[in-house]
Amino acid sequence: MLFSTDPTLQVVKEQYTNQEGLIHAYPLQQDSEYLSESIGLYMEYLVLVKDEERFSEQYEILMNNYQIQQGDLIFIQWVLKMNTKANALIDDVRIISALHDASTLFEEPKYAESANQLTLAITSNQKSNGYTVDFYDWSLNMPAKRITLSYLTNEFFQSTTDTDNMKDLLKNLDDTTVFFPEYFDVTKRKYRESEEVHMIDQLLIAINRENIGYPSEIFKTWCLNEWKHEGKIYGRYDRQTKTASVTYESLAVYYYLNTYFQKINEPDLAKEVLEHAELLASESTIGEAHFFDYIHFQLMKKNME
């Protein structure tokens, strides 16, 4: 069995994991949420560092705690609570991708088999008006009525088929304004936007567009100017004024900013983002970070090595 000595894994064990091996959202807070998002991100990291033993442990935790059998299909609860009857598309496709990668890396067929089962549940149920949507409510036998555009990642397109209409949602976005709408209402067939934008969503949508060959010139110009003039990107901005609506910075935002700068061939700026994030993390932020921020920061460092 391959076993990594990466120090990040010790932090996860000591600060983010309970006695049963389940990952909670905040360090040393076992009463914080247990999310499929967390286990999916950790599985992605374990593939990256090629830790076969820990991946196997997380796989068993996923199957024994998050997986729910519903007739002939299985789904993953987005959060561990007694009454949770819904999954989350972006978390599922991240898990599916990690399982496929691990199946190849560790030569373990059961990982691919589980990934295929999860994909089957999505393709069988999770569609509305021809679109794959955010989640499926298994208690109501009802799919969501919207698709969040940041969910249309590479992992999504690799995990599903017949996705031309989903790619069109990214292609057809209005690229004459800085910020993108957040989601598409599949019932009314309209894009929807909020007054306050979250930069993780905005960066992910821009990355998703780049992945299918559609640059976002106005958003790119804004990002470059904001970074070069301010030296930081805040967590949220006002859609109309384009000014920050919060005072906090986010390690996860910097992960996606780093990724975006690499996508648009700005490697020097990507390195600057990593250095700024390392400074932010050293100022005790990392000791209080949500697992989403913590593991994205570690993924960014590992990807830049």
Protein backbone atom coordinates (compact mmCIF):
# COMPACT_ATOMS: atom_id res chain seq x y z
CA MET A 1 0.00 0.00 0.00
CA LEU A 2 1.23 3.48 -0.88
CA PHE A 3 1.36 5.76 2.16
CA SER A 4 2.28 9.45 1.98
CA THR A 5 4.19 11.33 4.68
CA ASP A 6 2.76 14.68 3.54
CA PRO A 7 2.37 16.92 6.65
CA THR A 8 -1.03 18.16 5.44
CA LEU A 9 -2.44 14.71 6.13
CA GLN A 10 -1.39 14.90 9.77
CA VAL A 11 -3.14 18.27 10.15
CA VAL A 12 -6.31 16.81 8.64
CA LYS A 13 -6.16 13.88 11.05
CA GLU A 14 -5.46 15.95 14.17
CA GLN A 15 -7.64 19.00 13.52
CA TYR A 16 -10.38 18.09 11.06
CA THR A 17 -11.18 14.43 11.77
CA ASN A 18 -13.29 12.82 14.48
CA GLN A 19 -12.70 9.41 16.04
CA GLU A 20 -14.64 7.66 13.28
CA GLY A 21 -12.45 9.25 10.61
CA LEU A 22 -15.13 11.67 9.40
CA ILE A 23 -14.00 15.14 8.33
CA HIS A 24 -15.75 18.09 9.99
CA ALA A 25 -15.87 21.61 8.59
CA TYR A 26 -13.87 23.59 11.16
CA PRO A 27 -10.64 22.64 12.97
CA LEU A 28 -11.15 21.05 16.39
CA GLN A 29 -14.93 21.56 16.12
CA GLN A 30 -16.50 18.13 15.91
CA ASP A 31 -19.96 19.66 16.09
CA SER A 32 -19.43 21.52 12.79
CA GLU A 33 -20.88 20.11 9.58
CA TYR A 34 -19.78 16.90 7.88
CA LEU A 35 -20.01 17.51 4.14
CA SER A 36 -19.63 15.44 0.98
CA GLU A 37 -17.73 18.49 -0.28
CA SER A 38 -15.04 17.85 2.34
CA ILE A 39 -14.56 14.16 1.68
CA GLY A 40 -14.50 14.76 -2.09
CA LEU A 41 -11.81 17.43 -1.80
CA TYR A 42 -9.77 15.24 0.54
CA MET A 43 -10.03 12.31 -1.85
CA GLU A 44 -8.80 14.61 -4.63
CA TYR A 45 -5.82 15.57 -2.47
CA LEU A 46 -5.06 11.94 -1.58
CA VAL A 47 -4.94 11.06 -5.26
CA LEU A 48 -2.59 13.98 -5.84
CA VAL A 49 -0.16 12.78 -3.15
CA LYS A 50 -0.73 9.12 -4.12
CA ASP A 51 -1.75 7.95 -0.66
CA GLU A 52 -3.37 4.59 -1.32
CA GLU A 53 -4.06 3.64 2.29
CA ARG A 54 -5.78 6.85 3.31
CA PHE A 55 -7.78 6.91 0.09
CA SER A 56 -9.03 3.41 0.85
CA GLU A 57 -10.06 4.57 4.33
CA GLN A 58 -11.97 7.56 2.93
CA TYR A 59 -13.65 5.36 0.35
CA GLU A 60 -15.00 3.11 3.10
CA ILE A 61 -16.17 6.16 5.07
CA LEU A 62 -17.93 7.47 1.96
CA MET A 63 -19.67 4.15 1.32
CA ASN A 64 -20.63 3.53 4.96
CA ASN A 65 -21.75 7.02 5.92
CA TYR A 66 -22.64 9.18 2.90
CA GLN A 67 -23.97 6.60 0.45
CA ILE A 68 -27.72 5.98 0.48
CA GLN A 69 -29.40 3.16 -1.42
CA GLN A 70 -32.62 4.23 -3.12
CA GLY A 71 -34.16 1.39 -5.11
CA ASP A 72 -31.63 0.29 -7.72
CA LEU A 73 -29.68 3.54 -7.45
CA ILE A 74 -27.36 5.12 -4.90
CA PHE A 75 -26.80 8.74 -4.02
CA ILE A 76 -24.44 10.70 -1.79
CA GLN A 77 -25.88 12.90 0.96
CA TRP A 78 -24.48 16.41 0.62
CA VAL A 79 -24.39 16.70 4.44
CA LEU A 80 -24.52 14.07 7.19
CA LYS A 81 -27.86 14.68 8.86
CA MET A 82 -30.67 12.26 9.58
CA ASN A 83 -33.16 13.91 7.24
CA THR A 84 -30.84 14.70 4.33
CA LYS A 85 -32.48 13.41 1.16
CA ALA A 86 -30.54 15.34 -1.47
CA ASN A 87 -27.16 15.23 -3.13
CA ALA A 88 -25.07 18.07 -4.63
CA LEU A 89 -23.94 17.89 -8.25
CA ILE A 90 -20.57 19.62 -7.87
CA ASP A 91 -19.62 17.44 -4.90
CA ASP A 92 -20.73 14.27 -6.69
CA VAL A 93 -18.74 14.92 -9.85
CA ARG A 94 -15.65 15.75 -7.77
CA ILE A 95 -16.02 12.40 -5.96
CA ILE A 96 -16.67 10.58 -9.24
CA SER A 97 -13.53 12.09 -10.75
CA ALA A 98 -11.41 11.19 -7.71
CA LEU A 99 -12.75 7.62 -7.76
CA HIS A 100 -11.89 7.16 -11.43
CA ASP A 101 -8.42 8.63 -10.92
CA ALA A 102 -7.83 6.42 -7.88
CA SER A 103 -9.07 3.34 -9.70
CA THR A 104 -6.40 3.88 -12.35
CA LEU A 105 -3.63 4.99 -9.98
CA PHE A 106 -4.13 2.25 -7.40
CA GLU A 107 -5.42 -0.41 -9.83
CA GLU A 108 -8.63 -0.86 -7.83
CA PRO A 109 -11.73 -1.65 -9.96
CA LYS A 110 -14.27 -1.09 -7.17
CA TYR A 111 -13.56 2.65 -7.19
CA ALA A 112 -14.53 2.91 -10.86
CA GLU A 113 -17.59 0.72 -10.21
CA SER A 114 -18.78 3.09 -7.46
CA ALA A 115 -18.10 6.09 -9.69
CA ASN A 116 -20.21 4.54 -12.44
CA GLN A 117 -23.06 3.90 -9.99
CA LEU A 118 -23.04 7.54 -8.88
CA THR A 119 -22.97 8.70 -12.49
CA LEU A 120 -25.95 6.47 -13.28
CA ALA A 121 -28.00 8.13 -10.54
CA ILE A 122 -27.22 11.57 -11.95
CA THR A 123 -27.99 10.65 -15.56
CA SER A 124 -31.14 8.73 -14.59
CA ASN A 125 -32.82 11.23 -12.28
CA GLN A 126 -31.08 14.54 -12.08
CA LYS A 127 -32.48 16.25 -15.15
CA SER A 128 -35.16 18.87 -15.66
CA ASN A 129 -36.27 20.15 -19.07
CA GLY A 130 -33.28 18.38 -20.60
CA TYR A 131 -30.70 19.98 -18.29
CA THR A 132 -28.67 18.29 -15.59
CA VAL A 133 -29.50 20.26 -12.45
CA ASP A 134 -27.99 21.08 -9.06
CA PHE A 135 -29.48 18.22 -7.03
CA TYR A 136 -32.16 15.58 -6.81
CA ASP A 137 -34.53 15.40 -3.84
CA TRP A 138 -34.94 11.68 -3.22
CA SER A 139 -37.76 12.16 -0.69
CA LEU A 140 -39.90 14.04 -3.23
CA ASN A 141 -38.57 12.27 -6.33
CA MET A 142 -37.98 15.72 -7.76
CA PRO A 143 -34.98 17.31 -9.52
CA ALA A 144 -33.96 20.91 -8.84
CA LYS A 145 -35.17 23.65 -11.18
CA ARG A 146 -31.83 25.31 -11.76
CA ILE A 147 -28.22 24.69 -12.66
CA THR A 148 -25.50 26.71 -10.95
CA LEU A 149 -23.03 27.69 -13.65
CA SER A 150 -19.96 27.26 -11.45
CA TYR A 151 -20.88 23.55 -11.25
CA LEU A 152 -20.13 23.03 -14.95
CA THR A 153 -16.53 22.02 -14.34
CA ASN A 154 -14.21 19.77 -16.31
CA GLU A 155 -15.17 16.98 -13.92
CA PHE A 156 -18.83 17.48 -14.79
CA PHE A 157 -18.24 17.20 -18.53
CA GLN A 158 -15.97 14.20 -18.05
CA SER A 159 -18.56 12.44 -15.88
CA THR A 160 -21.65 12.90 -18.05
CA THR A 161 -22.63 12.62 -21.70
CA ASP A 162 -24.90 14.55 -24.08
CA THR A 163 -23.77 17.86 -22.59
CA ASP A 164 -23.93 20.20 -25.59
CA ASN A 165 -26.83 22.12 -24.05
CA MET A 166 -24.87 22.47 -20.81
CA LYS A 167 -21.86 23.86 -22.67
CA ASP A 168 -24.22 26.28 -24.41
CA LEU A 169 -25.14 27.72 -21.01
CA LEU A 170 -21.52 28.76 -20.58
CA LYS A 171 -21.03 29.83 -24.19
CA ASN A 172 -24.15 32.01 -24.29
CA LEU A 173 -23.36 34.10 -21.23
CA ASP A 174 -23.34 37.85 -21.77
CA ASP A 175 -19.64 38.69 -21.98
CA THR A 176 -20.17 42.45 -22.23
CA THR A 177 -20.30 42.86 -18.44
CA VAL A 178 -17.71 42.05 -15.78
CA PHE A 179 -19.65 39.59 -13.66
CA PHE A 180 -21.60 36.52 -14.75
CA PRO A 181 -25.08 35.43 -13.64
CA GLU A 182 -24.88 32.68 -11.04
CA TYR A 183 -27.37 30.16 -12.35
CA PHE A 184 -29.82 29.22 -15.09
CA ASP A 185 -33.51 28.68 -14.32
CA VAL A 186 -34.35 25.60 -16.39
CA THR A 187 -38.12 26.11 -16.03
CA LYS A 188 -38.20 29.70 -17.26
CA ARG A 189 -35.04 29.23 -19.33
CA LYS A 190 -33.49 32.41 -17.98
CA TYR A 191 -30.19 33.31 -16.36
CA ARG A 192 -30.45 34.63 -12.81
CA GLU A 193 -28.04 36.92 -10.98
CA SER A 194 -27.59 38.28 -7.48
CA GLU A 195 -26.71 41.83 -6.47
CA GLU A 196 -23.69 40.58 -4.53
CA VAL A 197 -21.30 38.22 -6.32
CA HIS A 198 -19.13 35.54 -4.72
CA MET A 199 -15.71 35.45 -6.30
CA ILE A 200 -15.37 31.67 -6.05
CA ASP A 201 -18.43 31.37 -8.31
CA GLN A 202 -17.22 34.07 -10.70
CA LEU A 203 -13.74 32.60 -11.05
CA LEU A 204 -15.09 29.09 -11.48
CA ILE A 205 -17.44 30.22 -14.25
CA ALA A 206 -14.56 31.97 -16.01
CA ILE A 207 -12.42 28.84 -15.65
CA ASN A 208 -15.28 26.68 -16.92
CA ARG A 209 -15.59 28.90 -19.98
CA GLU A 210 -11.84 28.76 -20.62
CA ASN A 211 -11.99 24.97 -20.42
CA ILE A 212 -14.39 24.81 -23.37
CA GLY A 213 -12.56 27.47 -25.39
CA TYR A 214 -14.51 30.61 -24.50
CA PRO A 215 -12.43 33.41 -22.95
CA SER A 216 -14.07 36.14 -20.89
CA GLU A 217 -12.17 39.28 -21.89
CA ILE A 218 -13.98 41.86 -19.74
CA PHE A 219 -13.84 39.68 -16.62
CA LYS A 220 -10.17 38.93 -17.33
CA THR A 221 -9.34 42.64 -17.67
CA TRP A 222 -11.11 43.39 -14.39
CA CYS A 223 -9.28 40.59 -12.57
CA LEU A 224 -5.90 41.66 -13.89
CA ASN A 225 -6.49 45.29 -13.00
CA GLU A 226 -7.83 44.47 -9.54
CA TRP A 227 -4.86 42.25 -8.77
CA LYS A 228 -2.23 44.61 -10.15
CA HIS A 229 -3.68 47.72 -8.46
CA GLU A 230 -5.01 46.28 -5.17
CA GLY A 231 -2.81 43.23 -4.70
CA LYS A 232 -5.76 41.21 -3.46
CA ILE A 233 -9.20 39.92 -4.38
CA TYR A 234 -11.90 40.00 -1.72
CA GLY A 235 -14.51 37.33 -1.13
CA ARG A 236 -17.53 39.24 -2.50
CA TYR A 237 -18.23 42.26 -4.69
CA ASP A 238 -21.19 44.46 -5.53
CA ARG A 239 -22.38 43.60 -9.02
CA GLN A 240 -23.14 47.17 -10.02
CA THR A 241 -20.30 49.16 -8.45
CA LYS A 242 -17.64 46.40 -8.89
CA THR A 243 -16.33 47.27 -5.42
CA ALA A 244 -15.75 44.84 -2.57
CA SER A 245 -18.76 44.31 -0.33
CA VAL A 246 -16.75 42.49 2.39
CA THR A 247 -13.36 42.99 3.99
CA TYR A 248 -12.25 39.36 4.14
CA GLU A 249 -9.99 37.42 1.80
CA SER A 250 -10.38 33.71 1.15
CA LEU A 251 -7.78 31.01 0.61
CA ALA A 252 -10.24 29.19 -1.66
CA VAL A 253 -10.70 32.34 -3.74
CA TYR A 254 -6.94 32.46 -4.19
CA TYR A 255 -6.89 28.81 -5.26
CA TYR A 256 -9.32 29.63 -8.07
CA LEU A 257 -7.58 32.91 -8.91
CA ASN A 258 -4.29 31.02 -9.14
CA THR A 259 -5.94 28.44 -11.42
CA TYR A 260 -7.51 31.16 -13.55
CA PHE A 261 -4.23 33.02 -14.02
CA GLN A 262 -2.62 29.77 -15.14
CA LYS A 263 -5.49 29.19 -17.57
CA ILE A 264 -5.03 32.62 -19.18
CA ASN A 265 -1.26 32.16 -19.41
CA GLU A 266 -0.23 34.45 -16.57
CA PRO A 267 2.15 32.13 -14.65
CA ASP A 268 3.98 34.98 -12.89
CA LEU A 269 0.71 36.32 -11.50
CA ALA A 270 -0.31 32.81 -10.47
CA LYS A 271 2.91 32.60 -8.46
CA GLU A 272 2.17 36.00 -6.87
CA VAL A 273 -1.25 34.72 -5.82
CA LEU A 274 0.33 31.68 -4.14
CA GLU A 275 2.82 33.90 -2.30
CA HIS A 276 0.04 36.22 -1.12
CA ALA A 277 -2.05 33.25 0.01
CA GLU A 278 0.91 31.88 1.96
CA LEU A 279 1.26 35.23 3.72
CA LEU A 280 -2.46 35.25 4.49
CA ALA A 281 -2.26 31.69 5.85
CA SER A 282 0.73 32.55 8.04
CA GLU A 283 -1.29 35.26 9.76
CA SER A 284 -3.22 32.61 11.77
CA THR A 285 -6.03 32.44 9.21
CA ILE A 286 -5.11 28.85 8.49
CA GLY A 287 -5.73 27.83 12.12
CA GLU A 288 -9.37 28.84 11.86
CA ALA A 289 -10.01 27.92 8.23
CA HIS A 290 -13.02 26.00 7.03
CA PHE A 291 -11.86 22.71 5.51
CA PHE A 292 -12.87 24.03 2.07
CA ASP A 293 -10.33 26.87 2.42
CA TYR A 294 -7.67 24.77 4.11
CA ILE A 295 -7.57 21.95 1.57
CA HIS A 296 -7.83 24.29 -1.43
CA PHE A 297 -4.78 26.13 -0.10
CA GLN A 298 -2.92 22.82 0.17
CA LEU A 299 -4.04 21.80 -3.33
CA MET A 300 -2.75 25.10 -4.70
CA LYS A 301 0.65 24.64 -3.07
CA LYS A 302 0.90 21.05 -4.28
CA ASN A 303 -0.13 21.98 -7.83
CA MET A 304 2.51 24.73 -7.96
CA GLU A 305 5.41 22.50 -6.88
